[in-house]
Amino acid sequence: MSASYQILFDFVWVSTSLALVAFSLGLILGELKIVNVAQGDLMMVGAYSMYALRDLPFLVGVLLTFVFGLALGFVLERGVLRWVYDKGFMTTLLASWGIGIVLEQTVAAIFTVSQKGVDAPLAGQIALGGFSYPAYRVAVAAGIIVLLAALMLLLYRTSLGLRLRASIDNVEMAALMGISPQRTFAMVFAIATALAVLAGALVAPTLAISPTMGLSYLAPSFFAVLIAKQGSLAGPIVGAVAVEFTFTLLQAYLNVTLAESILFGLLAIFIAIKPQGVSWSWKKARKEAQ
């Protein structure tokens, strides 16, 4: 029973943190139509920000890190990406790749490449019979679920969300209706960057912090976005849960390396067969099947 609890709690913990990164990545891909390969490095920046602010109260550090993420996203979008939107897929891909390299090298120059650590603000354990699990991970997983639910309500129940979804569906038509593409792009990239940075800040107490730590989240996040229907905002969240669930099943019978290899192979085959992605809306899925 303890082993089952361990698998379940690990699945919830990893899938929620992965969902936050995938959602931020999906926002950028859906709105800006670019593949931001620096998303994992932005997550890494959040972890190092928490390390730099480790002497402050943890929640204060998280808030300052989120604000820093907003500012960083705005600077990157206005200073780099807005100049390459119309240059094609490869140019935007290389631009984001270059941003990631600069972030990694900057962090390595400031903090060195040696691993760092951040203390968790909650040191206790949640006990279920003979099983115990870190209270911090449970609290953060619950917090991320609440945050993602709030973001979904914002996107689907407010006028701001309506304008954003209209811009994602058809940016030219949205512009004719008075929605500024430039402002929307800047806002979306800043928010998506802040969410990735926030994810790094939240997982910082649970991982060894290094300049390359974000890479382990990058590939699963991309697959979570790709298996969702293009333009879907909720799809990357469900995709992240599906990716982690598949990995959890494989890891139960195989070692980690082999499980990862099979996982990414299966996902690559799935995307090749169904490149348009999956509609995670039951009503839409039924209409498409008819």
C-alpha atoms as a PDB file:
ATOM      1  CA  MET A   1       0.000   0.000   0.000  1.00  0.00           C
ATOM      2  CA  SER A   2       2.858   2.396   0.797  1.00  0.00           C
ATOM      3  CA  ALA A   3       4.313   1.814  -2.665  1.00  0.00           C
ATOM      4  CA  SER A   4       0.948   2.615  -4.255  1.00  0.00           C
ATOM      5  CA  TYR A   5       0.659   5.816  -2.240  1.00  0.00           C
ATOM      6  CA  GLN A   6       4.185   6.777  -3.255  1.00  0.00           C
ATOM      7  CA  ILE A   7       3.408   6.325  -6.950  1.00  0.00           C
ATOM      8  CA  LEU A   8       0.129   8.239  -6.646  1.00  0.00           C
ATOM      9  CA  PHE A   9       1.586  11.200  -4.764  1.00  0.00           C
ATOM     10  CA  ASP A  10       4.629  11.384  -7.041  1.00  0.00           C
ATOM     11  CA  PHE A  11       2.330  11.342 -10.072  1.00  0.00           C
ATOM     12  CA  VAL A  12       0.232  14.218  -8.721  1.00  0.00           C
ATOM     13  CA  TRP A  13       3.296  16.232  -7.733  1.00  0.00           C
ATOM     14  CA  VAL A  14       5.137  15.879 -11.041  1.00  0.00           C
ATOM     15  CA  SER A  15       2.065  16.195 -13.273  1.00  0.00           C
ATOM     16  CA  THR A  16       0.927  19.446 -11.620  1.00  0.00           C
ATOM     17  CA  SER A  17       4.340  21.118 -11.918  1.00  0.00           C
ATOM     18  CA  LEU A  18       4.644  19.835 -15.493  1.00  0.00           C
ATOM     19  CA  ALA A  19       1.142  21.124 -16.267  1.00  0.00           C
ATOM     20  CA  LEU A  20       2.122  24.640 -15.191  1.00  0.00           C
ATOM     21  CA  VAL A  21       5.129  24.642 -17.524  1.00  0.00           C
ATOM     22  CA  ALA A  22       3.112  23.089 -20.360  1.00  0.00           C
ATOM     23  CA  PHE A  23       0.344  25.654 -19.936  1.00  0.00           C
ATOM     24  CA  SER A  24       2.839  28.513 -20.161  1.00  0.00           C
ATOM     25  CA  LEU A  25       4.398  26.945 -23.239  1.00  0.00           C
ATOM     26  CA  GLY A  26       0.985  26.412 -24.807  1.00  0.00           C
ATOM     27  CA  LEU A  27       0.106  30.079 -24.286  1.00  0.00           C
ATOM     28  CA  ILE A  28       3.154  31.168 -26.274  1.00  0.00           C
ATOM     29  CA  LEU A  29       2.635  28.633 -29.042  1.00  0.00           C
ATOM     30  CA  GLY A  30      -1.078  29.375 -29.284  1.00  0.00           C
ATOM     31  CA  GLU A  31      -0.817  33.166 -29.309  1.00  0.00           C
ATOM     32  CA  LEU A  32       2.608  33.974 -30.776  1.00  0.00           C
ATOM     33  CA  LYS A  33       2.831  30.847 -32.970  1.00  0.00           C
ATOM     34  CA  ILE A  34       6.474  30.302 -31.979  1.00  0.00           C
ATOM     35  CA  VAL A  35       8.211  27.336 -30.344  1.00  0.00           C
ATOM     36  CA  ASN A  36       9.946  28.719 -27.279  1.00  0.00           C
ATOM     37  CA  VAL A  37      12.758  26.269 -26.536  1.00  0.00           C
ATOM     38  CA  ALA A  38      13.923  28.606 -23.767  1.00  0.00           C
ATOM     39  CA  GLN A  39      10.933  27.730 -21.587  1.00  0.00           C
ATOM     40  CA  GLY A  40      12.942  25.227 -19.552  1.00  0.00           C
ATOM     41  CA  ASP A  41      15.676  27.824 -19.028  1.00  0.00           C
ATOM     42  CA  LEU A  42      13.089  30.321 -17.821  1.00  0.00           C
ATOM     43  CA  MET A  43      12.028  27.735 -15.274  1.00  0.00           C
ATOM     44  CA  MET A  44      15.676  27.427 -14.237  1.00  0.00           C
ATOM     45  CA  VAL A  45      15.855  31.206 -13.766  1.00  0.00           C
ATOM     46  CA  GLY A  46      12.987  30.970 -11.296  1.00  0.00           C
ATOM     47  CA  ALA A  47      14.845  28.384  -9.242  1.00  0.00           C
ATOM     48  CA  TYR A  48      18.000  30.512  -9.147  1.00  0.00           C
ATOM     49  CA  SER A  49      15.942  33.553  -8.230  1.00  0.00           C
ATOM     50  CA  MET A  50      14.704  31.687  -5.162  1.00  0.00           C
ATOM     51  CA  TYR A  51      18.278  30.754  -4.331  1.00  0.00           C
ATOM     52  CA  ALA A  52      19.346  34.398  -4.586  1.00  0.00           C
ATOM     53  CA  LEU A  53      16.395  35.433  -2.364  1.00  0.00           C
ATOM     54  CA  ARG A  54      16.793  32.544   0.069  1.00  0.00           C
ATOM     55  CA  ASP A  55      17.302  34.864   3.055  1.00  0.00           C
ATOM     56  CA  LEU A  56      13.847  36.405   2.566  1.00  0.00           C
ATOM     57  CA  PRO A  57      10.590  34.757   3.669  1.00  0.00           C
ATOM     58  CA  PHE A  58       9.701  32.090   1.127  1.00  0.00           C
ATOM     59  CA  LEU A  59       6.387  33.607  -0.008  1.00  0.00           C
ATOM     60  CA  VAL A  60       8.045  37.010  -0.440  1.00  0.00           C
ATOM     61  CA  GLY A  61      10.704  35.341  -2.581  1.00  0.00           C
ATOM     62  CA  VAL A  62       8.027  33.653  -4.706  1.00  0.00           C
ATOM     63  CA  LEU A  63       6.174  36.945  -5.221  1.00  0.00           C
ATOM     64  CA  LEU A  64       9.352  38.831  -6.166  1.00  0.00           C
ATOM     65  CA  THR A  65      10.356  36.004  -8.502  1.00  0.00           C
ATOM     66  CA  PHE A  66       6.974  36.132 -10.233  1.00  0.00           C
ATOM     67  CA  VAL A  67       7.258  39.901 -10.708  1.00  0.00           C
ATOM     68  CA  PHE A  68      10.793  39.435 -12.019  1.00  0.00           C
ATOM     69  CA  GLY A  69       9.430  36.848 -14.461  1.00  0.00           C
ATOM     70  CA  LEU A  70       6.862  39.328 -15.770  1.00  0.00           C
ATOM     71  CA  ALA A  71       9.562  41.946 -16.315  1.00  0.00           C
ATOM     72  CA  LEU A  72      11.923  39.451 -17.928  1.00  0.00           C
ATOM     73  CA  GLY A  73       9.211  38.227 -20.291  1.00  0.00           C
ATOM     74  CA  PHE A  74       8.330  41.761 -21.345  1.00  0.00           C
ATOM     75  CA  VAL A  75      11.990  42.633 -21.998  1.00  0.00           C
ATOM     76  CA  LEU A  76      12.603  39.446 -24.012  1.00  0.00           C
ATOM     77  CA  GLU A  77       9.480  39.897 -26.119  1.00  0.00           C
ATOM     78  CA  ARG A  78      10.002  43.594 -26.817  1.00  0.00           C
ATOM     79  CA  GLY A  79      13.775  43.374 -27.143  1.00  0.00           C
ATOM     80  CA  VAL A  80      14.183  40.161 -29.165  1.00  0.00           C
ATOM     81  CA  LEU A  81      11.161  38.199 -30.289  1.00  0.00           C
ATOM     82  CA  ARG A  82       9.019  40.970 -31.753  1.00  0.00           C
ATOM     83  CA  TRP A  83      11.704  41.528 -34.369  1.00  0.00           C
ATOM     84  CA  VAL A  84      11.535  37.964 -35.683  1.00  0.00           C
ATOM     85  CA  TYR A  85       7.804  37.134 -35.712  1.00  0.00           C
ATOM     86  CA  ASP A  86       7.622  37.507 -39.479  1.00  0.00           C
ATOM     87  CA  LYS A  87      10.960  35.817 -40.209  1.00  0.00           C
ATOM     88  CA  GLY A  88       9.671  32.255 -40.226  1.00  0.00           C
ATOM     89  CA  PHE A  89       9.704  29.215 -37.975  1.00  0.00           C
ATOM     90  CA  MET A  90      13.443  28.570 -38.003  1.00  0.00           C
ATOM     91  CA  THR A  91      14.364  32.148 -37.148  1.00  0.00           C
ATOM     92  CA  THR A  92      12.040  32.293 -34.142  1.00  0.00           C
ATOM     93  CA  LEU A  93      13.238  28.867 -33.031  1.00  0.00           C
ATOM     94  CA  LEU A  94      16.875  29.970 -33.188  1.00  0.00           C
ATOM     95  CA  ALA A  95      16.049  33.226 -31.423  1.00  0.00           C
ATOM     96  CA  SER A  96      14.464  31.418 -28.479  1.00  0.00           C
ATOM     97  CA  TRP A  97      17.319  28.902 -28.465  1.00  0.00           C
ATOM     98  CA  GLY A  98      19.762  31.793 -28.276  1.00  0.00           C
ATOM     99  CA  ILE A  99      17.820  33.287 -25.378  1.00  0.00           C
ATOM    100  CA  GLY A 100      18.078  29.975 -23.546  1.00  0.00           C
ATOM    101  CA  ILE A 101      21.837  29.791 -24.058  1.00  0.00           C
ATOM    102  CA  VAL A 102      22.296  33.367 -22.828  1.00  0.00           C
ATOM    103  CA  LEU A 103      20.222  32.618 -19.725  1.00  0.00           C
ATOM    104  CA  GLU A 104      22.191  29.458 -18.959  1.00  0.00           C
ATOM    105  CA  GLN A 105      25.569  31.132 -19.435  1.00  0.00           C
ATOM    106  CA  THR A 106      24.560  34.194 -17.425  1.00  0.00           C
ATOM    107  CA  VAL A 107      23.394  32.079 -14.507  1.00  0.00           C
ATOM    108  CA  ALA A 108      26.559  29.943 -14.694  1.00  0.00           C
ATOM    109  CA  ALA A 109      28.722  33.081 -14.672  1.00  0.00           C
ATOM    110  CA  ILE A 110      26.911  34.534 -11.645  1.00  0.00           C
ATOM    111  CA  PHE A 111      26.333  31.408  -9.536  1.00  0.00           C
ATOM    112  CA  THR A 112      28.892  28.955 -11.072  1.00  0.00           C
ATOM    113  CA  VAL A 113      27.846  25.527 -12.343  1.00  0.00           C
ATOM    114  CA  SER A 114      27.921  23.847  -8.938  1.00  0.00           C
ATOM    115  CA  GLN A 115      24.534  22.683  -7.714  1.00  0.00           C
ATOM    116  CA  LYS A 116      22.591  24.884  -5.311  1.00  0.00           C
ATOM    117  CA  GLY A 117      19.719  24.215  -2.968  1.00  0.00           C
ATOM    118  CA  VAL A 118      16.783  25.988  -1.333  1.00  0.00           C
ATOM    119  CA  ASP A 119      15.169  24.943   1.935  1.00  0.00           C
ATOM    120  CA  ALA A 120      11.479  24.078   1.808  1.00  0.00           C
ATOM    121  CA  PRO A 121       9.288  26.333   3.984  1.00  0.00           C
ATOM    122  CA  LEU A 122       7.308  23.278   5.116  1.00  0.00           C
ATOM    123  CA  ALA A 123       9.514  20.596   6.612  1.00  0.00           C
ATOM    124  CA  GLY A 124       6.796  18.264   7.852  1.00  0.00           C
ATOM    125  CA  GLN A 125       5.364  15.073   6.397  1.00  0.00           C
ATOM    126  CA  ILE A 126       1.801  14.054   5.633  1.00  0.00           C
ATOM    127  CA  ALA A 127       1.180  10.602   7.082  1.00  0.00           C
ATOM    128  CA  LEU A 128      -1.250   7.968   5.813  1.00  0.00           C
ATOM    129  CA  GLY A 129      -0.877   4.932   7.978  1.00  0.00           C
ATOM    130  CA  GLY A 130       2.707   3.844   7.569  1.00  0.00           C
ATOM    131  CA  PHE A 131       3.225   6.084   4.538  1.00  0.00           C
ATOM    132  CA  SER A 132       4.542   9.658   4.696  1.00  0.00           C
ATOM    133  CA  TYR A 133       5.064  12.289   2.018  1.00  0.00           C
ATOM    134  CA  PRO A 134       6.612  15.784   2.115  1.00  0.00           C
ATOM    135  CA  ALA A 135       3.968  18.322   3.096  1.00  0.00           C
ATOM    136  CA  TYR A 136       5.577  20.973   0.885  1.00  0.00           C
ATOM    137  CA  ARG A 137       4.988  18.971  -2.294  1.00  0.00           C
ATOM    138  CA  VAL A 138       1.362  18.355  -1.385  1.00  0.00           C
ATOM    139  CA  ALA A 139       0.804  22.042  -0.625  1.00  0.00           C
ATOM    140  CA  VAL A 140       2.452  23.182  -3.871  1.00  0.00           C
ATOM    141  CA  ALA A 141       0.527  20.625  -5.958  1.00  0.00           C
ATOM    142  CA  ALA A 142      -2.739  21.870  -4.440  1.00  0.00           C
ATOM    143  CA  GLY A 143      -1.690  25.471  -5.025  1.00  0.00           C
ATOM    144  CA  ILE A 144      -0.875  24.827  -8.685  1.00  0.00           C
ATOM    145  CA  ILE A 145      -4.248  23.129  -9.209  1.00  0.00           C
ATOM    146  CA  VAL A 146      -6.002  26.181  -7.737  1.00  0.00           C
ATOM    147  CA  LEU A 147      -3.869  28.517  -9.872  1.00  0.00           C
ATOM    148  CA  LEU A 148      -4.598  26.630 -13.097  1.00  0.00           C
ATOM    149  CA  ALA A 149      -8.308  26.550 -12.277  1.00  0.00           C
ATOM    150  CA  ALA A 150      -8.223  30.320 -11.696  1.00  0.00           C
ATOM    151  CA  LEU A 151      -6.448  30.838 -15.015  1.00  0.00           C
ATOM    152  CA  MET A 152      -9.078  28.761 -16.812  1.00  0.00           C
ATOM    153  CA  LEU A 153     -11.829  30.863 -15.245  1.00  0.00           C
ATOM    154  CA  LEU A 154      -9.990  34.011 -16.301  1.00  0.00           C
ATOM    155  CA  LEU A 155      -9.634  32.787 -19.872  1.00  0.00           C
ATOM    156  CA  TYR A 156     -13.184  31.480 -20.311  1.00  0.00           C
ATOM    157  CA  ARG A 157     -15.266  33.714 -18.027  1.00  0.00           C
ATOM    158  CA  THR A 158     -13.847  37.231 -18.480  1.00  0.00           C
ATOM    159  CA  SER A 159     -13.686  39.788 -21.272  1.00  0.00           C
ATOM    160  CA  LEU A 160      -9.887  39.703 -21.095  1.00  0.00           C
ATOM    161  CA  GLY A 161      -9.926  35.971 -21.722  1.00  0.00           C
ATOM    162  CA  LEU A 162     -12.382  36.442 -24.571  1.00  0.00           C
ATOM    163  CA  ARG A 163     -10.055  38.940 -26.274  1.00  0.00           C
ATOM    164  CA  LEU A 164      -7.114  36.622 -25.787  1.00  0.00           C
ATOM    165  CA  ARG A 165      -8.944  33.617 -27.244  1.00  0.00           C
ATOM    166  CA  ALA A 166     -10.148  35.718 -30.164  1.00  0.00           C
ATOM    167  CA  SER A 167      -6.563  36.737 -30.858  1.00  0.00           C
ATOM    168  CA  ILE A 168      -5.416  33.109 -30.720  1.00  0.00           C
ATOM    169  CA  ASP A 169      -8.136  31.968 -33.118  1.00  0.00           C
ATOM    170  CA  ASN A 170      -7.615  34.755 -35.675  1.00  0.00           C
ATOM    171  CA  VAL A 171      -5.160  37.546 -34.917  1.00  0.00           C
ATOM    172  CA  GLU A 172      -6.056  39.506 -38.066  1.00  0.00           C
ATOM    173  CA  MET A 173      -9.778  39.515 -37.277  1.00  0.00           C
ATOM    174  CA  ALA A 174      -9.041  40.408 -33.646  1.00  0.00           C
ATOM    175  CA  ALA A 175      -6.942  43.361 -34.835  1.00  0.00           C
ATOM    176  CA  LEU A 176      -9.854  44.598 -36.965  1.00  0.00           C
ATOM    177  CA  MET A 177     -12.007  44.478 -33.817  1.00  0.00           C
ATOM    178  CA  GLY A 178      -9.588  46.769 -31.987  1.00  0.00           C
ATOM    179  CA  ILE A 179      -7.447  44.190 -30.151  1.00  0.00           C
ATOM    180  CA  SER A 180      -3.821  45.263 -30.503  1.00  0.00           C
ATOM    181  CA  PRO A 181      -1.690  42.267 -31.555  1.00  0.00           C
ATOM    182  CA  GLN A 182       1.514  43.905 -30.285  1.00  0.00           C
ATOM    183  CA  ARG A 183       0.116  44.524 -26.810  1.00  0.00           C
ATOM    184  CA  THR A 184      -1.460  41.083 -26.693  1.00  0.00           C
ATOM    185  CA  PHE A 185       1.785  39.384 -27.724  1.00  0.00           C
ATOM    186  CA  ALA A 186       3.760  41.280 -25.090  1.00  0.00           C
ATOM    187  CA  MET A 187       1.193  40.528 -22.387  1.00  0.00           C
ATOM    188  CA  VAL A 188       0.945  36.827 -23.229  1.00  0.00           C
ATOM    189  CA  PHE A 189       4.691  36.292 -23.412  1.00  0.00           C
ATOM    190  CA  ALA A 190       5.235  38.157 -20.133  1.00  0.00           C
ATOM    191  CA  ILE A 191       2.556  36.104 -18.345  1.00  0.00           C
ATOM    192  CA  ALA A 192       3.785  32.813 -19.849  1.00  0.00           C
ATOM    193  CA  THR A 193       7.357  33.659 -18.840  1.00  0.00           C
ATOM    194  CA  ALA A 194       6.248  34.526 -15.322  1.00  0.00           C
ATOM    195  CA  LEU A 195       4.384  31.209 -15.022  1.00  0.00           C
ATOM    196  CA  ALA A 196       7.460  29.248 -16.135  1.00  0.00           C
ATOM    197  CA  VAL A 197       9.628  31.217 -13.709  1.00  0.00           C
ATOM    198  CA  LEU A 198       7.047  30.589 -10.980  1.00  0.00           C
ATOM    199  CA  ALA A 199       7.161  26.843 -11.689  1.00  0.00           C
ATOM    200  CA  GLY A 200      10.931  26.907 -11.225  1.00  0.00           C
ATOM    201  CA  ALA A 201      10.569  28.820  -7.987  1.00  0.00           C
ATOM    202  CA  LEU A 202       8.066  26.312  -6.604  1.00  0.00           C
ATOM    203  CA  VAL A 203      10.083  23.201  -7.466  1.00  0.00           C
ATOM    204  CA  ALA A 204      13.392  24.745  -6.338  1.00  0.00           C
ATOM    205  CA  PRO A 205      13.246  23.244  -2.799  1.00  0.00           C
ATOM    206  CA  THR A 206      12.746  19.750  -4.254  1.00  0.00           C
ATOM    207  CA  LEU A 207      15.550  19.627  -6.847  1.00  0.00           C
ATOM    208  CA  ALA A 208      19.250  20.239  -7.167  1.00  0.00           C
ATOM    209  CA  ILE A 209      19.441  23.651  -8.821  1.00  0.00           C
ATOM    210  CA  SER A 210      21.765  23.808 -11.827  1.00  0.00           C
ATOM    211  CA  PRO A 211      21.931  25.773 -15.107  1.00  0.00           C
ATOM    212  CA  THR A 212      20.552  22.789 -17.044  1.00  0.00           C
ATOM    213  CA  MET A 213      17.788  21.731 -14.642  1.00  0.00           C
ATOM    214  CA  GLY A 214      15.021  23.018 -16.921  1.00  0.00           C
ATOM    215  CA  LEU A 215      15.862  20.567 -19.689  1.00  0.00           C
ATOM    216  CA  SER A 216      14.150  17.693 -17.874  1.00  0.00           C
ATOM    217  CA  TYR A 217      10.844  19.592 -18.075  1.00  0.00           C
ATOM    218  CA  LEU A 218      11.229  20.914 -21.613  1.00  0.00           C
ATOM    219  CA  ALA A 219      10.640  17.758 -23.688  1.00  0.00           C
ATOM    220  CA  PRO A 220       7.637  16.468 -21.666  1.00  0.00           C
ATOM    221  CA  SER A 221       6.102  19.948 -21.793  1.00  0.00           C
ATOM    222  CA  PHE A 222       6.474  20.122 -25.566  1.00  0.00           C
ATOM    223  CA  PHE A 223       4.842  16.734 -25.993  1.00  0.00           C
ATOM    224  CA  ALA A 224       2.034  17.770 -23.627  1.00  0.00           C
ATOM    225  CA  VAL A 225       1.375  20.795 -25.848  1.00  0.00           C
ATOM    226  CA  LEU A 226       1.731  18.910 -29.133  1.00  0.00           C
ATOM    227  CA  ILE A 227      -0.751  16.176 -28.269  1.00  0.00           C
ATOM    228  CA  ALA A 228      -3.344  18.862 -27.492  1.00  0.00           C
ATOM    229  CA  LYS A 229      -5.430  20.384 -30.252  1.00  0.00           C
ATOM    230  CA  GLN A 230      -3.732  23.445 -31.735  1.00  0.00           C
ATOM    231  CA  GLY A 231      -4.886  26.638 -30.039  1.00  0.00           C
ATOM    232  CA  SER A 232      -6.365  24.787 -27.054  1.00  0.00           C
ATOM    233  CA  LEU A 233      -5.645  26.490 -23.740  1.00  0.00           C
ATOM    234  CA  ALA A 234      -6.766  23.676 -21.456  1.00  0.00           C
ATOM    235  CA  GLY A 235      -5.263  20.973 -23.697  1.00  0.00           C
ATOM    236  CA  PRO A 236      -1.642  21.306 -22.483  1.00  0.00           C
ATOM    237  CA  ILE A 237      -2.785  20.779 -18.894  1.00  0.00           C
ATOM    238  CA  VAL A 238      -4.582  17.545 -19.754  1.00  0.00           C
ATOM    239  CA  GLY A 239      -1.678  16.621 -22.030  1.00  0.00           C
ATOM    240  CA  ALA A 240       0.769  17.011 -19.155  1.00  0.00           C
ATOM    241  CA  VAL A 241      -1.305  14.687 -16.989  1.00  0.00           C
ATOM    242  CA  ALA A 242      -1.510  12.155 -19.849  1.00  0.00           C
ATOM    243  CA  VAL A 243       2.255  12.278 -20.453  1.00  0.00           C
ATOM    244  CA  GLU A 244       3.091  11.836 -16.775  1.00  0.00           C
ATOM    245  CA  PHE A 245       0.494   9.073 -16.359  1.00  0.00           C
ATOM    246  CA  THR A 246       2.038   7.135 -19.240  1.00  0.00           C
ATOM    247  CA  PHE A 247       5.517   7.641 -17.812  1.00  0.00           C
ATOM    248  CA  THR A 248       4.349   6.505 -14.368  1.00  0.00           C
ATOM    249  CA  LEU A 249       2.951   3.285 -15.847  1.00  0.00           C
ATOM    250  CA  LEU A 250       6.159   2.588 -17.786  1.00  0.00           C
ATOM    251  CA  GLN A 251       8.347   3.381 -14.807  1.00  0.00           C
ATOM    252  CA  ALA A 252       6.434   0.870 -12.691  1.00  0.00           C
ATOM    253  CA  TYR A 253       7.828  -1.940 -14.863  1.00  0.00           C
ATOM    254  CA  LEU A 254      11.021  -0.485 -16.391  1.00  0.00           C
ATOM    255  CA  ASN A 255      14.023   1.525 -15.290  1.00  0.00           C
ATOM    256  CA  VAL A 256      13.864   5.303 -15.686  1.00  0.00           C
ATOM    257  CA  THR A 257      16.073   5.546 -18.779  1.00  0.00           C
ATOM    258  CA  LEU A 258      14.205   2.861 -20.715  1.00  0.00           C
ATOM    259  CA  ALA A 259      10.840   4.228 -19.601  1.00  0.00           C
ATOM    260  CA  GLU A 260      11.752   7.707 -20.889  1.00  0.00           C
ATOM    261  CA  SER A 261      12.963   6.308 -24.212  1.00  0.00           C
ATOM    262  CA  ILE A 262       9.761   4.333 -24.760  1.00  0.00           C
ATOM    263  CA  LEU A 263       7.616   7.274 -23.622  1.00  0.00           C
ATOM    264  CA  PHE A 264       9.121   9.724 -26.087  1.00  0.00           C
ATOM    265  CA  GLY A 265       9.022   7.107 -28.827  1.00  0.00           C
ATOM    266  CA  LEU A 266       5.321   6.483 -28.257  1.00  0.00           C
ATOM    267  CA  LEU A 267       4.597  10.195 -28.159  1.00  0.00           C
ATOM    268  CA  ALA A 268       6.522  10.772 -31.395  1.00  0.00           C
ATOM    269  CA  ILE A 269       4.513   8.017 -33.095  1.00  0.00           C
ATOM    270  CA  PHE A 270       1.264   9.440 -31.749  1.00  0.00           C
ATOM    271  CA  ILE A 271       2.062  12.935 -33.069  1.00  0.00           C
ATOM    272  CA  ALA A 272       3.050  11.479 -36.452  1.00  0.00           C
ATOM    273  CA  ILE A 273      -0.299   9.662 -36.661  1.00  0.00           C
ATOM    274  CA  LYS A 274      -2.401  12.538 -35.298  1.00  0.00           C
ATOM    275  CA  PRO A 275      -0.465  15.775 -35.918  1.00  0.00           C
ATOM    276  CA  GLN A 276      -3.557  17.934 -35.367  1.00  0.00           C
ATOM    277  CA  GLY A 277      -3.658  16.843 -31.731  1.00  0.00           C
ATOM    278  CA  VAL A 278      -6.544  15.680 -29.595  1.00  0.00           C
ATOM    279  CA  SER A 279      -9.560  17.717 -28.603  1.00  0.00           C
ATOM    280  CA  TRP A 280      -9.878  17.320 -24.835  1.00  0.00           C
ATOM    281  CA  SER A 281     -13.420  18.689 -24.964  1.00  0.00           C
ATOM    282  CA  TRP A 282     -15.925  15.827 -24.949  1.00  0.00           C
ATOM    283  CA  LYS A 283     -18.478  17.784 -27.000  1.00  0.00           C
ATOM    284  CA  LYS A 284     -15.917  18.774 -29.634  1.00  0.00           C
ATOM    285  CA  ALA A 285     -14.500  15.270 -29.742  1.00  0.00           C
ATOM    286  CA  ARG A 286     -17.962  13.846 -30.441  1.00  0.00           C
ATOM    287  CA  LYS A 287     -18.573  16.367 -33.248  1.00  0.00           C
ATOM    288  CA  GLU A 288     -15.223  15.535 -34.853  1.00  0.00           C
ATOM    289  CA  ALA A 289     -15.972  11.810 -34.674  1.00  0.00           C
ATOM    290  CA  GLN A 290     -19.326  12.219 -36.445  1.00  0.00           C
END
